[in-house]
Amino acid sequence: MIRNAKHLNFIASLPCVLCGDDSCAAHIRIGGGGGMGLKPHDSHTVPLCHKHHSEQHNRGERTFWGDVQKAINLAAYLYANTGDREACELKIAEFRREFYNKK
């Protein structure tokens, strides 16, 4: 498993992808190389506030995200652009608009 404390700290410094509140680094468990009881690679993380992070676990990945591949794509973008706050915040805002427009 890939562990990257610098990336996790960066993710936690970004706004929640769904509401814009303060966040933590939330792992997307589908397609991330994790297994039973194992966290996926840190490249499969997105910023979620406590409320949405709990909801992600309680509802399950597919139900919570709807299109989990879009969340995985966002995580990959954030990982590739770690440290570039402006680019990542723009991408998060775009994701948020698309997430709520699909409903």
PDB file of N, CA and C in Angstrom:
ATOM      1  N   MET A   1       0.830  -1.190   0.000  1.00  0.00           N
ATOM      2  CA  MET A   1       0.000   0.000   0.000  1.00  0.00           C
ATOM      3  C   MET A   1       0.871   1.249   0.000  1.00  0.00           C
ATOM      4  N   ILE A   2       0.432   2.211  -0.724  1.00  0.00           N
ATOM      5  CA  ILE A   2       1.150   3.476  -0.772  1.00  0.00           C
ATOM      6  C   ILE A   2       0.660   4.365   0.366  1.00  0.00           C
ATOM      7  N   ARG A   3       1.575   4.845   1.192  1.00  0.00           N
ATOM      8  CA  ARG A   3       1.257   5.780   2.269  1.00  0.00           C
ATOM      9  C   ARG A   3       2.025   7.063   2.006  1.00  0.00           C
ATOM     10  N   ASN A   4       1.335   8.172   2.048  1.00  0.00           N
ATOM     11  CA  ASN A   4       1.940   9.453   1.739  1.00  0.00           C
ATOM     12  C   ASN A   4       1.365  10.509   2.685  1.00  0.00           C
ATOM     13  N   ALA A   5       2.047  10.720   3.806  1.00  0.00           N
ATOM     14  CA  ALA A   5       1.558  11.652   4.834  1.00  0.00           C
ATOM     15  C   ALA A   5       1.415  13.066   4.286  1.00  0.00           C
ATOM     16  N   LYS A   6       2.317  13.481   3.431  1.00  0.00           N
ATOM     17  CA  LYS A   6       2.244  14.831   2.861  1.00  0.00           C
ATOM     18  C   LYS A   6       0.950  14.995   2.058  1.00  0.00           C
ATOM     19  N   HIS A   7       0.623  13.985   1.273  1.00  0.00           N
ATOM     20  CA  HIS A   7      -0.603  14.044   0.472  1.00  0.00           C
ATOM     21  C   HIS A   7      -1.844  14.033   1.377  1.00  0.00           C
ATOM     22  N   LEU A   8      -1.862  13.166   2.382  1.00  0.00           N
ATOM     23  CA  LEU A   8      -3.013  13.105   3.284  1.00  0.00           C
ATOM     24  C   LEU A   8      -3.225  14.439   4.005  1.00  0.00           C
ATOM     25  N   ASN A   9      -2.141  15.076   4.428  1.00  0.00           N
ATOM     26  CA  ASN A   9      -2.251  16.388   5.070  1.00  0.00           C
ATOM     27  C   ASN A   9      -2.791  17.429   4.095  1.00  0.00           C
ATOM     28  N   PHE A  10      -2.340  17.351   2.843  1.00  0.00           N
ATOM     29  CA  PHE A  10      -2.836  18.275   1.827  1.00  0.00           C
ATOM     30  C   PHE A  10      -4.338  18.060   1.596  1.00  0.00           C
ATOM     31  N   ILE A  11      -4.749  16.812   1.447  1.00  0.00           N
ATOM     32  CA  ILE A  11      -6.164  16.502   1.232  1.00  0.00           C
ATOM     33  C   ILE A  11      -7.004  17.029   2.394  1.00  0.00           C
ATOM     34  N   ALA A  12      -6.533  16.818   3.622  1.00  0.00           N
ATOM     35  CA  ALA A  12      -7.277  17.267   4.804  1.00  0.00           C
ATOM     36  C   ALA A  12      -7.353  18.793   4.903  1.00  0.00           C
ATOM     37  N   SER A  13      -6.472  19.489   4.190  1.00  0.00           N
ATOM     38  CA  SER A  13      -6.489  20.953   4.214  1.00  0.00           C
ATOM     39  C   SER A  13      -7.468  21.540   3.194  1.00  0.00           C
ATOM     40  N   LEU A  14      -7.988  20.688   2.314  1.00  0.00           N
ATOM     41  CA  LEU A  14      -8.921  21.135   1.271  1.00  0.00           C
ATOM     42  C   LEU A  14     -10.357  21.091   1.804  1.00  0.00           C
ATOM     43  N   PRO A  15     -11.264  21.823   1.164  1.00  0.00           N
ATOM     44  CA  PRO A  15     -12.668  21.777   1.594  1.00  0.00           C
ATOM     45  C   PRO A  15     -13.331  20.460   1.197  1.00  0.00           C
ATOM     46  N   CYS A  16     -14.332  20.071   1.962  1.00  0.00           N
ATOM     47  CA  CYS A  16     -15.122  18.876   1.643  1.00  0.00           C
ATOM     48  C   CYS A  16     -15.622  18.973   0.205  1.00  0.00           C
ATOM     49  N   VAL A  17     -15.492  17.884  -0.538  1.00  0.00           N
ATOM     50  CA  VAL A  17     -15.902  17.898  -1.942  1.00  0.00           C
ATOM     51  C   VAL A  17     -17.405  18.076  -2.121  1.00  0.00           C
ATOM     52  N   LEU A  18     -18.182  17.842  -1.050  1.00  0.00           N
ATOM     53  CA  LEU A  18     -19.638  17.929  -1.181  1.00  0.00           C
ATOM     54  C   LEU A  18     -20.250  19.187  -0.581  1.00  0.00           C
ATOM     55  N   CYS A  19     -19.653  19.713   0.492  1.00  0.00           N
ATOM     56  CA  CYS A  19     -20.287  20.876   1.134  1.00  0.00           C
ATOM     57  C   CYS A  19     -19.350  22.050   1.361  1.00  0.00           C
ATOM     58  N   GLY A  20     -18.053  21.846   1.227  1.00  0.00           N
ATOM     59  CA  GLY A  20     -17.095  22.926   1.402  1.00  0.00           C
ATOM     60  C   GLY A  20     -16.620  23.132   2.832  1.00  0.00           C
ATOM     61  N   ASP A  21     -17.126  22.345   3.789  1.00  0.00           N
ATOM     62  CA  ASP A  21     -16.698  22.465   5.184  1.00  0.00           C
ATOM     63  C   ASP A  21     -15.280  21.915   5.362  1.00  0.00           C
ATOM     64  N   ASP A  22     -14.735  22.100   6.578  1.00  0.00           N
ATOM     65  CA  ASP A  22     -13.434  21.515   6.913  1.00  0.00           C
ATOM     66  C   ASP A  22     -13.506  20.011   6.731  1.00  0.00           C
ATOM     67  N   SER A  23     -12.384  19.416   6.362  1.00  0.00           N
ATOM     68  CA  SER A  23     -12.431  18.004   5.986  1.00  0.00           C
ATOM     69  C   SER A  23     -11.310  17.181   6.602  1.00  0.00           C
ATOM     70  N   CYS A  24     -11.388  15.899   6.329  1.00  0.00           N
ATOM     71  CA  CYS A  24     -10.319  14.950   6.601  1.00  0.00           C
ATOM     72  C   CYS A  24     -10.108  14.178   5.294  1.00  0.00           C
ATOM     73  N   ALA A  25      -9.046  13.411   5.239  1.00  0.00           N
ATOM     74  CA  ALA A  25      -8.775  12.598   4.054  1.00  0.00           C
ATOM     75  C   ALA A  25      -9.602  11.317   4.140  1.00  0.00           C
ATOM     76  N   ALA A  26     -10.514  11.143   3.205  1.00  0.00           N
ATOM     77  CA  ALA A  26     -11.393   9.969   3.183  1.00  0.00           C
ATOM     78  C   ALA A  26     -10.966   9.043   2.043  1.00  0.00           C
ATOM     79  N   HIS A  27     -10.688   7.802   2.378  1.00  0.00           N
ATOM     80  CA  HIS A  27     -10.288   6.821   1.363  1.00  0.00           C
ATOM     81  C   HIS A  27     -11.512   6.288   0.621  1.00  0.00           C
ATOM     82  N   ILE A  28     -11.388   6.173  -0.681  1.00  0.00           N
ATOM     83  CA  ILE A  28     -12.393   5.500  -1.506  1.00  0.00           C
ATOM     84  C   ILE A  28     -11.953   4.045  -1.571  1.00  0.00           C
ATOM     85  N   ARG A  29     -12.768   3.178  -1.039  1.00  0.00           N
ATOM     86  CA  ARG A  29     -12.352   1.788  -0.860  1.00  0.00           C
ATOM     87  C   ARG A  29     -12.560   0.909  -2.091  1.00  0.00           C
ATOM     88  N   ILE A  30     -13.369   1.325  -3.014  1.00  0.00           N
ATOM     89  CA  ILE A  30     -13.577   0.542  -4.233  1.00  0.00           C
ATOM     90  C   ILE A  30     -12.485   0.896  -5.236  1.00  0.00           C
ATOM     91  N   GLY A  31     -11.802  -0.112  -5.750  1.00  0.00           N
ATOM     92  CA  GLY A  31     -10.790   0.105  -6.776  1.00  0.00           C
ATOM     93  C   GLY A  31      -9.509   0.729  -6.272  1.00  0.00           C
ATOM     94  N   GLY A  32      -9.282   0.710  -4.954  1.00  0.00           N
ATOM     95  CA  GLY A  32      -8.117   1.375  -4.405  1.00  0.00           C
ATOM     96  C   GLY A  32      -7.026   0.465  -3.893  1.00  0.00           C
ATOM     97  N   GLY A  33      -7.143  -0.815  -4.135  1.00  0.00           N
ATOM     98  CA  GLY A  33      -6.092  -1.730  -3.725  1.00  0.00           C
ATOM     99  C   GLY A  33      -6.183  -2.183  -2.279  1.00  0.00           C
ATOM    100  N   GLY A  34      -7.222  -1.772  -1.571  1.00  0.00           N
ATOM    101  CA  GLY A  34      -7.399  -2.209  -0.186  1.00  0.00           C
ATOM    102  C   GLY A  34      -8.091  -3.556  -0.160  1.00  0.00           C
ATOM    103  N   GLY A  35      -8.152  -4.132   0.992  1.00  0.00           N
ATOM    104  CA  GLY A  35      -8.851  -5.396   1.162  1.00  0.00           C
ATOM    105  C   GLY A  35      -9.654  -5.339   2.442  1.00  0.00           C
ATOM    106  N   MET A  36     -10.133  -6.468   2.879  1.00  0.00           N
ATOM    107  CA  MET A  36     -10.910  -6.536   4.106  1.00  0.00           C
ATOM    108  C   MET A  36     -10.091  -5.958   5.260  1.00  0.00           C
ATOM    109  N   GLY A  37     -10.558  -4.853   5.816  1.00  0.00           N
ATOM    110  CA  GLY A  37      -9.882  -4.229   6.937  1.00  0.00           C
ATOM    111  C   GLY A  37      -8.643  -3.420   6.578  1.00  0.00           C
ATOM    112  N   LEU A  38      -8.331  -3.310   5.287  1.00  0.00           N
ATOM    113  CA  LEU A  38      -7.149  -2.559   4.847  1.00  0.00           C
ATOM    114  C   LEU A  38      -7.569  -1.302   4.108  1.00  0.00           C
ATOM    115  N   LYS A  39      -6.860  -0.215   4.391  1.00  0.00           N
ATOM    116  CA  LYS A  39      -7.127   1.017   3.652  1.00  0.00           C
ATOM    117  C   LYS A  39      -6.503   0.919   2.272  1.00  0.00           C
ATOM    118  N   PRO A  40      -7.137   1.531   1.276  1.00  0.00           N
ATOM    119  CA  PRO A  40      -6.553   1.576  -0.058  1.00  0.00           C
ATOM    120  C   PRO A  40      -5.365   2.536  -0.096  1.00  0.00           C
ATOM    121  N   HIS A  41      -4.743   2.618  -1.229  1.00  0.00           N
ATOM    122  CA  HIS A  41      -3.643   3.557  -1.435  1.00  0.00           C
ATOM    123  C   HIS A  41      -4.095   4.972  -1.089  1.00  0.00           C
ATOM    124  N   ASP A  42      -3.177   5.770  -0.602  1.00  0.00           N
ATOM    125  CA  ASP A  42      -3.499   7.162  -0.292  1.00  0.00           C
ATOM    126  C   ASP A  42      -3.815   7.971  -1.547  1.00  0.00           C
ATOM    127  N   SER A  43      -3.509   7.434  -2.702  1.00  0.00           N
ATOM    128  CA  SER A  43      -3.880   8.094  -3.962  1.00  0.00           C
ATOM    129  C   SER A  43      -5.391   8.013  -4.206  1.00  0.00           C
ATOM    130  N   HIS A  44      -6.092   7.245  -3.386  1.00  0.00           N
ATOM    131  CA  HIS A  44      -7.546   7.096  -3.488  1.00  0.00           C
ATOM    132  C   HIS A  44      -8.234   7.828  -2.334  1.00  0.00           C
ATOM    133  N   THR A  45      -7.834   9.084  -2.112  1.00  0.00           N
ATOM    134  CA  THR A  45      -8.436   9.881  -1.057  1.00  0.00           C
ATOM    135  C   THR A  45      -9.017  11.169  -1.606  1.00  0.00           C
ATOM    136  N   VAL A  46     -10.090  11.594  -0.985  1.00  0.00           N
ATOM    137  CA  VAL A  46     -10.717  12.878  -1.292  1.00  0.00           C
ATOM    138  C   VAL A  46     -11.044  13.554   0.040  1.00  0.00           C
ATOM    139  N   PRO A  47     -11.173  14.867   0.051  1.00  0.00           N
ATOM    140  CA  PRO A  47     -11.543  15.539   1.288  1.00  0.00           C
ATOM    141  C   PRO A  47     -13.051  15.460   1.539  1.00  0.00           C
ATOM    142  N   LEU A  48     -13.418  14.931   2.705  1.00  0.00           N
ATOM    143  CA  LEU A  48     -14.818  14.888   3.137  1.00  0.00           C
ATOM    144  C   LEU A  48     -14.896  15.399   4.567  1.00  0.00           C
ATOM    145  N   CYS A  49     -15.933  16.166   4.866  1.00  0.00           N
ATOM    146  CA  CYS A  49     -16.177  16.595   6.241  1.00  0.00           C
ATOM    147  C   CYS A  49     -16.590  15.370   7.053  1.00  0.00           C
ATOM    148  N   HIS A  50     -16.633  15.530   8.362  1.00  0.00           N
ATOM    149  CA  HIS A  50     -16.985  14.405   9.233  1.00  0.00           C
ATOM    150  C   HIS A  50     -18.352  13.819   8.873  1.00  0.00           C
ATOM    151  N   LYS A  51     -19.333  14.687   8.641  1.00  0.00           N
ATOM    152  CA  LYS A  51     -20.688  14.222   8.324  1.00  0.00           C
ATOM    153  C   LYS A  51     -20.693  13.371   7.055  1.00  0.00           C
ATOM    154  N   HIS A  52     -20.072  13.867   5.991  1.00  0.00           N
ATOM    155  CA  HIS A  52     -20.081  13.126   4.729  1.00  0.00           C
ATOM    156  C   HIS A  52     -19.182  11.886   4.786  1.00  0.00           C
ATOM    157  N   HIS A  53     -18.101  11.951   5.541  1.00  0.00           N
ATOM    158  CA  HIS A  53     -17.241  10.776   5.685  1.00  0.00           C
ATOM    159  C   HIS A  53     -18.006   9.648   6.384  1.00  0.00           C
ATOM    160  N   SER A  54     -18.745   9.989   7.432  1.00  0.00           N
ATOM    161  CA  SER A  54     -19.571   8.986   8.120  1.00  0.00           C
ATOM    162  C   SER A  54     -20.640   8.435   7.184  1.00  0.00           C
ATOM    163  N   GLU A  55     -21.255   9.318   6.426  1.00  0.00           N
ATOM    164  CA  GLU A  55     -22.290   8.902   5.475  1.00  0.00           C
ATOM    165  C   GLU A  55     -21.716   7.969   4.412  1.00  0.00           C
ATOM    166  N   GLN A  56     -20.508   8.260   3.954  1.00  0.00           N
ATOM    167  CA  GLN A  56     -19.836   7.413   2.960  1.00  0.00           C
ATOM    168  C   GLN A  56     -19.715   5.985   3.488  1.00  0.00           C
ATOM    169  N   HIS A  57     -19.301   5.836   4.737  1.00  0.00           N
ATOM    170  CA  HIS A  57     -19.139   4.499   5.315  1.00  0.00           C
ATOM    171  C   HIS A  57     -20.481   3.843   5.609  1.00  0.00           C
ATOM    172  N   ASN A  58     -21.428   4.613   6.106  1.00  0.00           N
ATOM    173  CA  ASN A  58     -22.728   4.048   6.490  1.00  0.00           C
ATOM    174  C   ASN A  58     -23.576   3.631   5.291  1.00  0.00           C
ATOM    175  N   ARG A  59     -23.534   4.396   4.229  1.00  0.00           N
ATOM    176  CA  ARG A  59     -24.359   4.095   3.055  1.00  0.00           C
ATOM    177  C   ARG A  59     -23.678   3.144   2.090  1.00  0.00           C
ATOM    178  N   GLY A  60     -22.357   3.069   2.138  1.00  0.00           N
ATOM    179  CA  GLY A  60     -21.608   2.265   1.178  1.00  0.00           C
ATOM    180  C   GLY A  60     -21.163   3.120   0.006  1.00  0.00           C
ATOM    181  N   GLU A  61     -20.040   2.767  -0.562  1.00  0.00           N
ATOM    182  CA  GLU A  61     -19.422   3.576  -1.622  1.00  0.00           C
ATOM    183  C   GLU A  61     -20.338   3.812  -2.830  1.00  0.00           C
ATOM    184  N   ARG A  62     -20.879   2.746  -3.380  1.00  0.00           N
ATOM    185  CA  ARG A  62     -21.674   2.890  -4.606  1.00  0.00           C
ATOM    186  C   ARG A  62     -22.919   3.751  -4.382  1.00  0.00           C
ATOM    187  N   THR A  63     -23.597   3.540  -3.272  1.00  0.00           N
ATOM    188  CA  THR A  63     -24.788   4.331  -2.973  1.00  0.00           C
ATOM    189  C   THR A  63     -24.419   5.777  -2.692  1.00  0.00           C
ATOM    190  N   PHE A  64     -23.378   5.984  -1.896  1.00  0.00           N
ATOM    191  CA  PHE A  64     -22.976   7.333  -1.521  1.00  0.00           C
ATOM    192  C   PHE A  64     -22.544   8.158  -2.733  1.00  0.00           C
ATOM    193  N   TRP A  65     -21.639   7.618  -3.543  1.00  0.00           N
ATOM    194  CA  TRP A  65     -21.093   8.373  -4.662  1.00  0.00           C
ATOM    195  C   TRP A  65     -21.996   8.357  -5.888  1.00  0.00           C
ATOM    196  N   GLY A  66     -22.798   7.342  -6.060  1.00  0.00           N
ATOM    197  CA  GLY A  66     -23.576   7.219  -7.292  1.00  0.00           C
ATOM    198  C   GLY A  66     -22.686   6.678  -8.392  1.00  0.00           C
ATOM    199  N   ASP A  67     -21.785   7.485  -8.883  1.00  0.00           N
ATOM    200  CA  ASP A  67     -20.797   7.069  -9.881  1.00  0.00           C
ATOM    201  C   ASP A  67     -19.435   7.094  -9.201  1.00  0.00           C
ATOM    202  N   VAL A  68     -19.054   5.967  -8.617  1.00  0.00           N
ATOM    203  CA  VAL A  68     -17.814   5.917  -7.846  1.00  0.00           C
ATOM    204  C   VAL A  68     -16.591   6.201  -8.718  1.00  0.00           C
ATOM    205  N   GLN A  69     -16.688   5.918 -10.015  1.00  0.00           N
ATOM    206  CA  GLN A  69     -15.544   6.173 -10.894  1.00  0.00           C
ATOM    207  C   GLN A  69     -15.212   7.661 -10.956  1.00  0.00           C
ATOM    208  N   LYS A  70     -16.220   8.515 -10.888  1.00  0.00           N
ATOM    209  CA  LYS A  70     -15.957   9.961 -10.881  1.00  0.00           C
ATOM    210  C   LYS A  70     -15.199  10.365  -9.625  1.00  0.00           C
ATOM    211  N   ALA A  71     -15.526   9.761  -8.493  1.00  0.00           N
ATOM    212  CA  ALA A  71     -14.810  10.044  -7.250  1.00  0.00           C
ATOM    213  C   ALA A  71     -13.370   9.535  -7.336  1.00  0.00           C
ATOM    214  N   ILE A  72     -13.184   8.361  -7.931  1.00  0.00           N
ATOM    215  CA  ILE A  72     -11.836   7.812  -8.117  1.00  0.00           C
ATOM    216  C   ILE A  72     -11.025   8.722  -9.037  1.00  0.00           C
ATOM    217  N   ASN A  73     -11.656   9.220 -10.090  1.00  0.00           N
ATOM    218  CA  ASN A  73     -10.969  10.133 -11.009  1.00  0.00           C
ATOM    219  C   ASN A  73     -10.567  11.420 -10.297  1.00  0.00           C
ATOM    220  N   LEU A  74     -11.444  11.936  -9.441  1.00  0.00           N
ATOM    221  CA  LEU A  74     -11.116  13.131  -8.667  1.00  0.00           C
ATOM    222  C   LEU A  74      -9.923  12.839  -7.756  1.00  0.00           C
ATOM    223  N   ALA A  75      -9.948  11.715  -7.065  1.00  0.00           N
ATOM    224  CA  ALA A  75      -8.841  11.350  -6.183  1.00  0.00           C
ATOM    225  C   ALA A  75      -7.526  11.279  -6.953  1.00  0.00           C
ATOM    226  N   ALA A  76      -7.551  10.705  -8.144  1.00  0.00           N
ATOM    227  CA  ALA A  76      -6.338  10.605  -8.968  1.00  0.00           C
ATOM    228  C   ALA A  76      -5.836  11.993  -9.360  1.00  0.00           C
ATOM    229  N   TYR A  77      -6.764  12.885  -9.706  1.00  0.00           N
ATOM    230  CA  TYR A  77      -6.384  14.255 -10.048  1.00  0.00           C
ATOM    231  C   TYR A  77      -5.732  14.943  -8.848  1.00  0.00           C
ATOM    232  N   LEU A  78      -6.355  14.809  -7.679  1.00  0.00           N
ATOM    233  CA  LEU A  78      -5.820  15.447  -6.474  1.00  0.00           C
ATOM    234  C   LEU A  78      -4.437  14.902  -6.139  1.00  0.00           C
ATOM    235  N   TYR A  79      -4.249  13.608  -6.326  1.00  0.00           N
ATOM    236  CA  TYR A  79      -2.949  12.994  -6.046  1.00  0.00           C
ATOM    237  C   TYR A  79      -1.889  13.519  -7.016  1.00  0.00           C
ATOM    238  N   ALA A  80      -2.252  13.609  -8.281  1.00  0.00           N
ATOM    239  CA  ALA A  80      -1.302  14.091  -9.294  1.00  0.00           C
ATOM    240  C   ALA A  80      -0.957  15.562  -9.106  1.00  0.00           C
ATOM    241  N   ASN A  81      -1.824  16.296  -8.428  1.00  0.00           N
ATOM    242  CA  ASN A  81      -1.630  17.742  -8.251  1.00  0.00           C
ATOM    243  C   ASN A  81      -1.451  18.131  -6.787  1.00  0.00           C
ATOM    244  N   THR A  82      -0.970  17.199  -5.965  1.00  0.00           N
ATOM    245  CA  THR A  82      -0.745  17.482  -4.546  1.00  0.00           C
ATOM    246  C   THR A  82       0.081  18.756  -4.396  1.00  0.00           C
ATOM    247  N   GLY A  83      -0.400  19.640  -3.541  1.00  0.00           N
ATOM    248  CA  GLY A  83       0.308  20.886  -3.280  1.00  0.00           C
ATOM    249  C   GLY A  83      -0.191  22.064  -4.096  1.00  0.00           C
ATOM    250  N   ASP A  84      -0.884  21.808  -5.198  1.00  0.00           N
ATOM    251  CA  ASP A  84      -1.414  22.881  -6.036  1.00  0.00           C
ATOM    252  C   ASP A  84      -2.841  23.193  -5.577  1.00  0.00           C
ATOM    253  N   ARG A  85      -2.929  23.995  -4.526  1.00  0.00           N
ATOM    254  CA  ARG A  85      -4.218  24.293  -3.895  1.00  0.00           C
ATOM    255  C   ARG A  85      -5.214  24.884  -4.888  1.00  0.00           C
ATOM    256  N   GLU A  86      -4.782  25.842  -5.682  1.00  0.00           N
ATOM    257  CA  GLU A  86      -5.712  26.515  -6.601  1.00  0.00           C
ATOM    258  C   GLU A  86      -6.321  25.524  -7.593  1.00  0.00           C
ATOM    259  N   ALA A  87      -5.489  24.712  -8.224  1.00  0.00           N
ATOM    260  CA  ALA A  87      -5.987  23.742  -9.204  1.00  0.00           C
ATOM    261  C   ALA A  87      -6.922  22.725  -8.551  1.00  0.00           C
ATOM    262  N   CYS A  88      -6.560  22.269  -7.365  1.00  0.00           N
ATOM    263  CA  CYS A  88      -7.376  21.257  -6.679  1.00  0.00           C
ATOM    264  C   CYS A  88      -8.699  21.834  -6.207  1.00  0.00           C
ATOM    265  N   GLU A  89      -8.696  23.059  -5.709  1.00  0.00           N
ATOM    266  CA  GLU A  89      -9.959  23.657  -5.273  1.00  0.00           C
ATOM    267  C   GLU A  89     -10.892  23.902  -6.453  1.00  0.00           C
ATOM    268  N   LEU A  90     -10.335  24.266  -7.613  1.00  0.00           N
ATOM    269  CA  LEU A  90     -11.166  24.427  -8.814  1.00  0.00           C
ATOM    270  C   LEU A  90     -11.777  23.088  -9.227  1.00  0.00           C
ATOM    271  N   LYS A  91     -10.977  22.031  -9.179  1.00  0.00           N
ATOM    272  CA  LYS A  91     -11.459  20.698  -9.551  1.00  0.00           C
ATOM    273  C   LYS A  91     -12.531  20.216  -8.569  1.00  0.00           C
ATOM    274  N   ILE A  92     -12.348  20.501  -7.285  1.00  0.00           N
ATOM    275  CA  ILE A  92     -13.339  20.130  -6.268  1.00  0.00           C
ATOM    276  C   ILE A  92     -14.655  20.870  -6.511  1.00  0.00           C
ATOM    277  N   ALA A  93     -14.583  22.155  -6.824  1.00  0.00           N
ATOM    278  CA  ALA A  93     -15.789  22.949  -7.094  1.00  0.00           C
ATOM    279  C   ALA A  93     -16.526  22.389  -8.314  1.00  0.00           C
ATOM    280  N   GLU A  94     -15.783  22.001  -9.332  1.00  0.00           N
ATOM    281  CA  GLU A  94     -16.380  21.398 -10.536  1.00  0.00           C
ATOM    282  C   GLU A  94     -17.055  20.071 -10.176  1.00  0.00           C
ATOM    283  N   PHE A  95     -16.374  19.248  -9.379  1.00  0.00           N
ATOM    284  CA  PHE A  95     -16.933  17.964  -8.949  1.00  0.00           C
ATOM    285  C   PHE A  95     -18.230  18.186  -8.178  1.00  0.00           C
ATOM    286  N   ARG A  96     -18.213  19.143  -7.256  1.00  0.00           N
ATOM    287  CA  ARG A  96     -19.392  19.431  -6.425  1.00  0.00           C
ATOM    288  C   ARG A  96     -20.578  19.827  -7.291  1.00  0.00           C
ATOM    289  N   ARG A  97     -20.361  20.687  -8.266  1.00  0.00           N
ATOM    290  CA  ARG A  97     -21.446  21.107  -9.177  1.00  0.00           C
ATOM    291  C   ARG A  97     -22.023  19.901  -9.908  1.00  0.00           C
ATOM    292  N   GLU A  98     -21.154  19.059 -10.466  1.00  0.00           N
ATOM    293  CA  GLU A  98     -21.611  17.881 -11.198  1.00  0.00           C
ATOM    294  C   GLU A  98     -22.318  16.887 -10.290  1.00  0.00           C
ATOM    295  N   PHE A  99     -21.820  16.715  -9.071  1.00  0.00           N
ATOM    296  CA  PHE A  99     -22.409  15.770  -8.121  1.00  0.00           C
ATOM    297  C   PHE A  99     -23.854  16.166  -7.814  1.00  0.00           C
ATOM    298  N   TYR A 100     -24.091  17.432  -7.546  1.00  0.00           N
ATOM    299  CA  TYR A 100     -25.436  17.878  -7.170  1.00  0.00           C
ATOM    300  C   TYR A 100     -26.347  18.084  -8.381  1.00  0.00           C
ATOM    301  N   ASN A 101     -25.792  18.300  -9.549  1.00  0.00           N
ATOM    302  CA  ASN A 101     -26.614  18.438 -10.755  1.00  0.00           C
ATOM    303  C   ASN A 101     -27.142  17.107 -11.259  1.00  0.00           C
ATOM    304  N   LYS A 102     -26.531  16.005 -10.846  1.00  0.00           N
ATOM    305  CA  LYS A 102     -26.980  14.678 -11.304  1.00  0.00           C
ATOM    306  C   LYS A 102     -28.233  14.221 -10.587  1.00  0.00           C
ATOM    307  N   LYS A 103     -28.551  14.857  -9.466  1.00  0.00           N
ATOM    308  CA  LYS A 103     -29.710  14.410  -8.669  1.00  0.00           C
ATOM    309  C   LYS A 103     -30.979  15.060  -9.127  1.00  0.00           C
TER     310      LYS A 103
END
